[in-house]
N, C-alpha and C. Protein backbone atom coordinates (compact mmCIF):
# COMPACT_ATOMS: atom_id res chain seq x y z
N MET A 1 -31.75 10.52 -16.22
CA MET A 1 -31.24 9.18 -15.95
C MET A 1 -30.16 9.28 -14.88
N SER A 2 -30.16 8.35 -13.97
CA SER A 2 -29.15 8.36 -12.91
C SER A 2 -28.10 7.28 -13.17
N TYR A 3 -26.95 7.50 -12.56
CA TYR A 3 -25.81 6.61 -12.77
C TYR A 3 -25.23 6.19 -11.42
N PHE A 4 -24.58 5.03 -11.43
CA PHE A 4 -23.77 4.60 -10.30
C PHE A 4 -22.36 5.14 -10.54
N ARG A 5 -21.80 5.79 -9.53
CA ARG A 5 -20.39 6.16 -9.57
C ARG A 5 -19.67 5.13 -8.72
N ILE A 6 -18.86 4.28 -9.34
CA ILE A 6 -18.21 3.17 -8.67
C ILE A 6 -16.71 3.46 -8.61
N GLN A 7 -16.14 3.38 -7.41
CA GLN A 7 -14.72 3.63 -7.22
C GLN A 7 -14.10 2.43 -6.52
N LEU A 8 -13.02 1.89 -7.10
CA LEU A 8 -12.32 0.76 -6.52
C LEU A 8 -11.43 1.26 -5.38
N VAL A 9 -11.72 0.81 -4.16
CA VAL A 9 -11.02 1.30 -2.97
C VAL A 9 -9.97 0.29 -2.52
N ARG A 10 -10.27 -0.99 -2.62
CA ARG A 10 -9.33 -2.02 -2.17
C ARG A 10 -8.87 -2.85 -3.37
N SER A 11 -7.67 -3.34 -3.28
CA SER A 11 -7.08 -4.11 -4.35
C SER A 11 -7.70 -5.51 -4.42
N ALA A 12 -7.65 -6.09 -5.61
CA ALA A 12 -8.18 -7.43 -5.82
C ALA A 12 -7.08 -8.49 -5.85
N ILE A 13 -5.89 -8.14 -5.39
CA ILE A 13 -4.77 -9.08 -5.38
C ILE A 13 -5.09 -10.23 -4.42
N GLY A 14 -4.94 -11.44 -4.90
CA GLY A 14 -5.15 -12.62 -4.07
C GLY A 14 -6.59 -13.08 -3.98
N LEU A 15 -7.50 -12.40 -4.64
CA LEU A 15 -8.90 -12.79 -4.61
C LEU A 15 -9.20 -13.78 -5.73
N PRO A 16 -10.30 -14.51 -5.63
CA PRO A 16 -10.63 -15.48 -6.67
C PRO A 16 -10.80 -14.83 -8.05
N ARG A 17 -10.58 -15.63 -9.06
CA ARG A 17 -10.69 -15.15 -10.45
C ARG A 17 -12.09 -14.63 -10.74
N ARG A 18 -13.07 -15.21 -10.14
CA ARG A 18 -14.46 -14.78 -10.37
C ARG A 18 -14.65 -13.32 -9.94
N THR A 19 -14.05 -12.97 -8.81
CA THR A 19 -14.15 -11.60 -8.30
C THR A 19 -13.41 -10.63 -9.21
N THR A 20 -12.20 -11.00 -9.63
CA THR A 20 -11.44 -10.11 -10.51
C THR A 20 -12.13 -9.96 -11.87
N ASN A 21 -12.82 -10.99 -12.33
CA ASN A 21 -13.56 -10.90 -13.59
C ASN A 21 -14.73 -9.93 -13.47
N VAL A 22 -15.38 -9.89 -12.31
CA VAL A 22 -16.47 -8.93 -12.10
C VAL A 22 -15.92 -7.51 -12.15
N LEU A 23 -14.76 -7.29 -11.54
CA LEU A 23 -14.15 -5.96 -11.58
C LEU A 23 -13.79 -5.56 -13.01
N LYS A 24 -13.27 -6.52 -13.79
CA LYS A 24 -12.96 -6.24 -15.19
C LYS A 24 -14.22 -5.91 -15.98
N ALA A 25 -15.30 -6.63 -15.69
CA ALA A 25 -16.57 -6.38 -16.38
C ALA A 25 -17.11 -4.99 -16.05
N LEU A 26 -16.86 -4.53 -14.84
CA LEU A 26 -17.29 -3.18 -14.46
C LEU A 26 -16.36 -2.11 -15.03
N GLY A 27 -15.17 -2.51 -15.46
CA GLY A 27 -14.22 -1.55 -16.03
C GLY A 27 -13.25 -0.98 -15.03
N LEU A 28 -13.13 -1.63 -13.87
CA LEU A 28 -12.22 -1.16 -12.82
C LEU A 28 -10.91 -1.90 -12.94
N LYS A 29 -9.83 -1.15 -13.18
CA LYS A 29 -8.52 -1.76 -13.37
C LYS A 29 -7.57 -1.45 -12.22
N LYS A 30 -7.53 -0.18 -11.82
CA LYS A 30 -6.58 0.25 -10.80
C LYS A 30 -7.31 0.73 -9.56
N ARG A 31 -6.59 0.71 -8.44
CA ARG A 31 -7.15 1.25 -7.21
C ARG A 31 -7.44 2.72 -7.38
N MET A 32 -8.50 3.19 -6.79
CA MET A 32 -8.99 4.56 -6.85
C MET A 32 -9.47 4.95 -8.24
N GLY A 33 -9.65 3.97 -9.10
CA GLY A 33 -10.24 4.22 -10.42
C GLY A 33 -11.73 4.40 -10.29
N THR A 34 -12.31 5.26 -11.11
CA THR A 34 -13.73 5.57 -11.04
C THR A 34 -14.39 5.29 -12.39
N VAL A 35 -15.55 4.64 -12.35
CA VAL A 35 -16.34 4.42 -13.56
C VAL A 35 -17.79 4.79 -13.27
N PHE A 36 -18.53 5.08 -14.33
CA PHE A 36 -19.93 5.42 -14.23
C PHE A 36 -20.73 4.42 -15.05
N HIS A 37 -21.78 3.84 -14.45
CA HIS A 37 -22.67 2.91 -15.14
C HIS A 37 -24.10 3.33 -14.88
N PRO A 38 -24.99 3.15 -15.87
CA PRO A 38 -26.40 3.46 -15.63
C PRO A 38 -26.98 2.54 -14.55
N VAL A 39 -27.97 3.03 -13.85
CA VAL A 39 -28.60 2.25 -12.79
C VAL A 39 -29.47 1.18 -13.42
N THR A 40 -29.02 -0.07 -13.32
CA THR A 40 -29.78 -1.23 -13.79
C THR A 40 -29.64 -2.35 -12.77
N GLN A 41 -30.49 -3.34 -12.89
CA GLN A 41 -30.42 -4.47 -11.97
C GLN A 41 -29.16 -5.29 -12.18
N SER A 42 -28.73 -5.44 -13.42
CA SER A 42 -27.53 -6.24 -13.67
C SER A 42 -26.29 -5.56 -13.10
N THR A 43 -26.21 -4.24 -13.23
CA THR A 43 -25.08 -3.50 -12.65
C THR A 43 -25.12 -3.59 -11.13
N ALA A 44 -26.30 -3.47 -10.56
CA ALA A 44 -26.43 -3.57 -9.10
C ALA A 44 -26.01 -4.95 -8.61
N GLY A 45 -26.31 -5.99 -9.37
CA GLY A 45 -25.90 -7.34 -9.01
C GLY A 45 -24.39 -7.50 -9.04
N GLN A 46 -23.75 -6.91 -10.04
CA GLN A 46 -22.29 -6.97 -10.12
C GLN A 46 -21.66 -6.22 -8.96
N ILE A 47 -22.23 -5.08 -8.60
CA ILE A 47 -21.71 -4.29 -7.48
C ILE A 47 -21.83 -5.08 -6.18
N MET A 48 -22.92 -5.80 -6.00
CA MET A 48 -23.12 -6.57 -4.78
C MET A 48 -22.08 -7.68 -4.64
N LYS A 49 -21.57 -8.19 -5.76
CA LYS A 49 -20.55 -9.23 -5.69
C LYS A 49 -19.20 -8.71 -5.21
N VAL A 50 -18.95 -7.43 -5.40
CA VAL A 50 -17.66 -6.85 -5.00
C VAL A 50 -17.85 -5.68 -4.03
N LYS A 51 -18.91 -5.72 -3.26
CA LYS A 51 -19.27 -4.59 -2.39
C LYS A 51 -18.21 -4.26 -1.35
N GLU A 52 -17.36 -5.22 -0.98
CA GLU A 52 -16.32 -4.97 0.01
C GLU A 52 -15.14 -4.20 -0.58
N LEU A 53 -15.04 -4.17 -1.90
CA LEU A 53 -13.89 -3.57 -2.57
C LEU A 53 -14.17 -2.19 -3.13
N VAL A 54 -15.43 -1.80 -3.24
CA VAL A 54 -15.78 -0.56 -3.94
C VAL A 54 -16.62 0.35 -3.06
N THR A 55 -16.66 1.63 -3.44
CA THR A 55 -17.63 2.57 -2.89
C THR A 55 -18.55 2.98 -4.02
N VAL A 56 -19.82 3.15 -3.71
CA VAL A 56 -20.82 3.42 -4.73
C VAL A 56 -21.66 4.62 -4.33
N GLU A 57 -21.88 5.51 -5.27
CA GLU A 57 -22.78 6.65 -5.09
C GLU A 57 -23.73 6.67 -6.28
N GLU A 58 -24.92 7.18 -6.05
CA GLU A 58 -25.83 7.38 -7.16
C GLU A 58 -25.80 8.86 -7.52
N VAL A 59 -25.45 9.17 -8.76
CA VAL A 59 -25.32 10.55 -9.21
C VAL A 59 -26.26 10.79 -10.38
N ALA A 60 -26.56 12.06 -10.62
CA ALA A 60 -27.51 12.41 -11.66
C ALA A 60 -26.90 12.35 -13.06
N GLU A 61 -25.63 12.70 -13.17
CA GLU A 61 -25.01 12.70 -14.49
C GLU A 61 -23.60 12.12 -14.43
N ARG A 62 -23.16 11.66 -15.55
CA ARG A 62 -21.85 11.06 -15.70
C ARG A 62 -20.80 12.14 -15.90
N LYS A 63 -19.62 11.94 -15.39
CA LYS A 63 -18.53 12.91 -15.55
C LYS A 63 -17.47 12.33 -16.46
N THR A 64 -16.76 13.22 -17.12
CA THR A 64 -15.66 12.78 -17.97
C THR A 64 -14.45 12.46 -17.11
N LYS A 65 -13.47 11.83 -17.71
CA LYS A 65 -12.25 11.48 -17.00
C LYS A 65 -11.53 12.73 -16.49
N GLN A 66 -11.55 13.79 -17.29
CA GLN A 66 -10.90 15.04 -16.90
C GLN A 66 -11.62 15.68 -15.71
N GLU A 67 -12.95 15.65 -15.69
CA GLU A 67 -13.71 16.22 -14.58
C GLU A 67 -13.45 15.46 -13.28
N VAL A 68 -13.35 14.15 -13.36
CA VAL A 68 -13.04 13.34 -12.17
C VAL A 68 -11.65 13.66 -11.67
N HIS A 69 -10.69 13.83 -12.59
CA HIS A 69 -9.32 14.16 -12.20
C HIS A 69 -9.26 15.51 -11.50
N LEU A 70 -9.94 16.52 -12.05
CA LEU A 70 -9.93 17.84 -11.43
C LEU A 70 -10.63 17.84 -10.08
N GLU A 71 -11.62 16.99 -9.92
CA GLU A 71 -12.33 16.88 -8.64
C GLU A 71 -11.41 16.33 -7.55
N ARG A 72 -10.53 15.43 -7.89
CA ARG A 72 -9.62 14.81 -6.92
C ARG A 72 -8.37 15.64 -6.67
N LYS A 73 -8.07 16.59 -7.54
CA LYS A 73 -6.86 17.38 -7.43
C LYS A 73 -6.97 18.32 -6.23
N PRO A 74 -5.99 18.30 -5.34
CA PRO A 74 -6.07 19.16 -4.15
C PRO A 74 -5.77 20.62 -4.49
N ASP A 75 -6.19 21.52 -3.59
CA ASP A 75 -5.85 22.92 -3.73
C ASP A 75 -4.34 23.09 -3.59
N PRO A 76 -3.75 24.09 -4.23
CA PRO A 76 -2.30 24.26 -4.13
C PRO A 76 -1.84 24.66 -2.74
N GLY A 77 -2.73 25.17 -1.90
CA GLY A 77 -2.35 25.56 -0.55
C GLY A 77 -2.05 27.03 -0.43
N TYR A 78 -2.00 27.73 -1.55
CA TYR A 78 -1.75 29.17 -1.52
C TYR A 78 -2.40 29.79 -2.76
N TYR A 79 -2.61 31.09 -2.71
CA TYR A 79 -3.17 31.84 -3.83
C TYR A 79 -2.33 33.08 -4.07
N VAL A 80 -2.08 33.42 -5.31
CA VAL A 80 -1.33 34.62 -5.67
C VAL A 80 -2.32 35.75 -5.81
N GLU A 81 -2.23 36.75 -4.94
CA GLU A 81 -3.16 37.87 -4.98
C GLU A 81 -2.70 38.92 -5.98
N SER A 82 -1.43 39.21 -6.00
CA SER A 82 -0.91 40.15 -6.99
C SER A 82 0.52 39.73 -7.32
N ARG A 83 0.97 40.15 -8.47
CA ARG A 83 2.30 39.74 -8.93
C ARG A 83 3.36 40.79 -8.62
N GLY A 84 3.02 41.85 -7.96
CA GLY A 84 4.00 42.87 -7.61
C GLY A 84 3.93 44.07 -8.53
N VAL A 85 4.89 44.95 -8.40
CA VAL A 85 4.91 46.22 -9.12
C VAL A 85 5.21 46.00 -10.61
N ASP A 86 6.13 45.12 -10.91
CA ASP A 86 6.56 44.92 -12.29
C ASP A 86 5.52 44.16 -13.12
N GLY A 87 4.66 43.42 -12.45
CA GLY A 87 3.72 42.59 -13.18
C GLY A 87 4.32 41.27 -13.62
N LEU A 88 5.43 40.89 -13.03
CA LEU A 88 6.10 39.64 -13.39
C LEU A 88 5.44 38.46 -12.77
């Protein structure tokens, strides 16, 4: 089964209530928030109503909140190869 990965990219501040209600129905609350929904016609219709505010990908499996967080986490910028002579 495939899923839509929907990420809210733009804020809904100042938009009509109908648009914000669609975002609530999709489960999008904050900017850069990500939700997964199964691929259905009703979900696709909701996405089309807010297509200017979201990015959508079709993925094979759903990810947990922790997996999405780790995916977005940047590399530290350095790697520790050895801790020295003492092992500290």
